[in-house]
Amino acid sequence: MEKVPKQDPDNRPETLQIGPKHYRIVTSIDEASYDRVAELVQQVAASIPQGVSQEERLLLTCLKLGLTIEKTSDALRCLVPEGDEKSELDR
């Protein structure tokens, strides 16, 4: 008999399309935040040229999102005055 994991009542199933594939996930992120993040991921994935494998598309999407986070973090660090205690970005 297969054990079925208990589902947290705060979690809900979602389907995310990246390229031609659909991925079923379970998330506790509120719907509005999930929708914004899913849209961002889909936009970045759509910017990857046609003809790459799904695995490459996923990897390149991750790398592009990571680069975006890194650039955003750098820009935010520039806004923190020097000498301030450790910022939230460095924790």
Protein backbone atom coordinates (compact mmCIF):
# COMPACT_ATOMS: atom_id res chain seq x y z
CA MET A 1 0.00 0.00 0.00
CA GLU A 2 1.44 3.37 -1.07
CA LYS A 3 1.62 6.08 1.57
CA VAL A 4 -0.01 9.31 0.54
CA PRO A 5 1.68 12.32 2.16
CA LYS A 6 -0.58 14.53 4.24
CA GLN A 7 -1.23 17.82 2.57
CA ASP A 8 -0.80 20.99 4.53
CA PRO A 9 -4.11 22.89 4.42
CA ASP A 10 -2.18 26.07 3.54
CA ASN A 11 -0.80 24.43 0.40
CA ARG A 12 -2.64 24.25 -2.88
CA PRO A 13 -1.85 22.70 -6.24
CA GLU A 14 -0.84 24.90 -9.16
CA THR A 15 0.27 24.24 -12.72
CA LEU A 16 3.15 26.23 -14.17
CA GLN A 17 3.97 26.22 -17.86
CA ILE A 18 7.60 26.71 -18.81
CA GLY A 19 8.19 26.39 -22.53
CA PRO A 20 6.05 23.59 -23.92
CA LYS A 21 5.81 21.65 -20.64
CA HIS A 22 3.40 21.97 -17.74
CA TYR A 23 4.62 21.32 -14.19
CA ARG A 24 2.30 20.46 -11.34
CA ILE A 25 3.48 21.89 -8.03
CA VAL A 26 2.14 22.43 -4.54
CA THR A 27 2.68 25.86 -2.98
CA SER A 28 1.74 27.89 0.06
CA ILE A 29 2.50 31.22 -1.63
CA ASP A 30 -0.55 33.47 -1.78
CA GLU A 31 -2.26 33.52 -5.18
CA ALA A 32 -1.33 37.09 -6.10
CA SER A 33 2.38 36.50 -5.36
CA TYR A 34 2.33 33.16 -7.16
CA ASP A 35 0.74 34.75 -10.23
CA ARG A 36 3.42 37.49 -10.34
CA VAL A 37 6.29 35.02 -9.91
CA ALA A 38 4.83 32.57 -12.44
CA GLU A 39 4.43 35.39 -14.97
CA LEU A 40 8.03 36.49 -14.43
CA VAL A 41 9.33 32.92 -14.90
CA GLN A 42 7.22 32.50 -18.04
CA GLN A 43 8.48 35.79 -19.49
CA VAL A 44 12.10 34.86 -18.88
CA ALA A 45 11.58 31.35 -20.28
CA ALA A 46 9.91 32.83 -23.38
CA SER A 47 12.99 35.01 -23.98
CA ILE A 48 15.14 31.90 -24.47
CA PRO A 49 15.65 31.21 -28.20
CA GLN A 50 13.69 28.42 -29.86
CA GLY A 51 15.50 25.19 -30.56
CA VAL A 52 17.02 24.60 -27.12
CA SER A 53 16.04 21.51 -25.15
CA GLN A 54 13.61 21.82 -22.25
CA GLU A 55 16.44 21.09 -19.81
CA GLU A 56 18.55 23.89 -21.32
CA ARG A 57 15.52 26.21 -21.24
CA LEU A 58 15.06 25.53 -17.52
CA LEU A 59 18.75 26.03 -16.77
CA LEU A 60 18.99 29.25 -18.80
CA THR A 61 15.82 30.55 -17.14
CA CYS A 62 17.34 29.89 -13.71
CA LEU A 63 20.57 31.62 -14.71
CA LYS A 64 18.77 34.67 -16.10
CA LEU A 65 16.63 34.94 -12.95
CA GLY A 66 19.74 34.55 -10.77
CA LEU A 67 21.48 37.32 -12.70
CA THR A 68 18.43 39.55 -12.26
CA ILE A 69 18.48 38.92 -8.49
CA GLU A 70 22.22 39.64 -8.34
CA LYS A 71 21.87 42.93 -10.26
CA THR A 72 18.91 43.97 -8.11
CA SER A 73 20.82 43.16 -4.91
CA ASP A 74 23.79 45.21 -6.09
CA ALA A 75 21.54 48.15 -6.92
CA LEU A 76 19.88 47.96 -3.50
CA ARG A 77 23.25 47.76 -1.73
CA CYS A 78 24.18 51.05 -3.40
CA LEU A 79 21.21 52.65 -1.66
CA VAL A 80 22.36 51.60 1.83
CA PRO A 81 24.62 54.27 3.36
CA GLU A 82 28.17 53.11 4.14
CA GLY A 83 28.81 52.37 7.79
CA ASP A 84 25.31 51.08 8.43
CA GLU A 85 25.03 47.88 10.41
CA LYS A 86 24.62 44.72 8.39
CA SER A 87 21.75 45.21 5.97
CA GLU A 88 18.95 42.72 5.36
CA LEU A 89 20.61 41.94 2.01
CA ASP A 90 23.72 40.57 3.72
CA ARG A 91 21.93 38.33 6.21
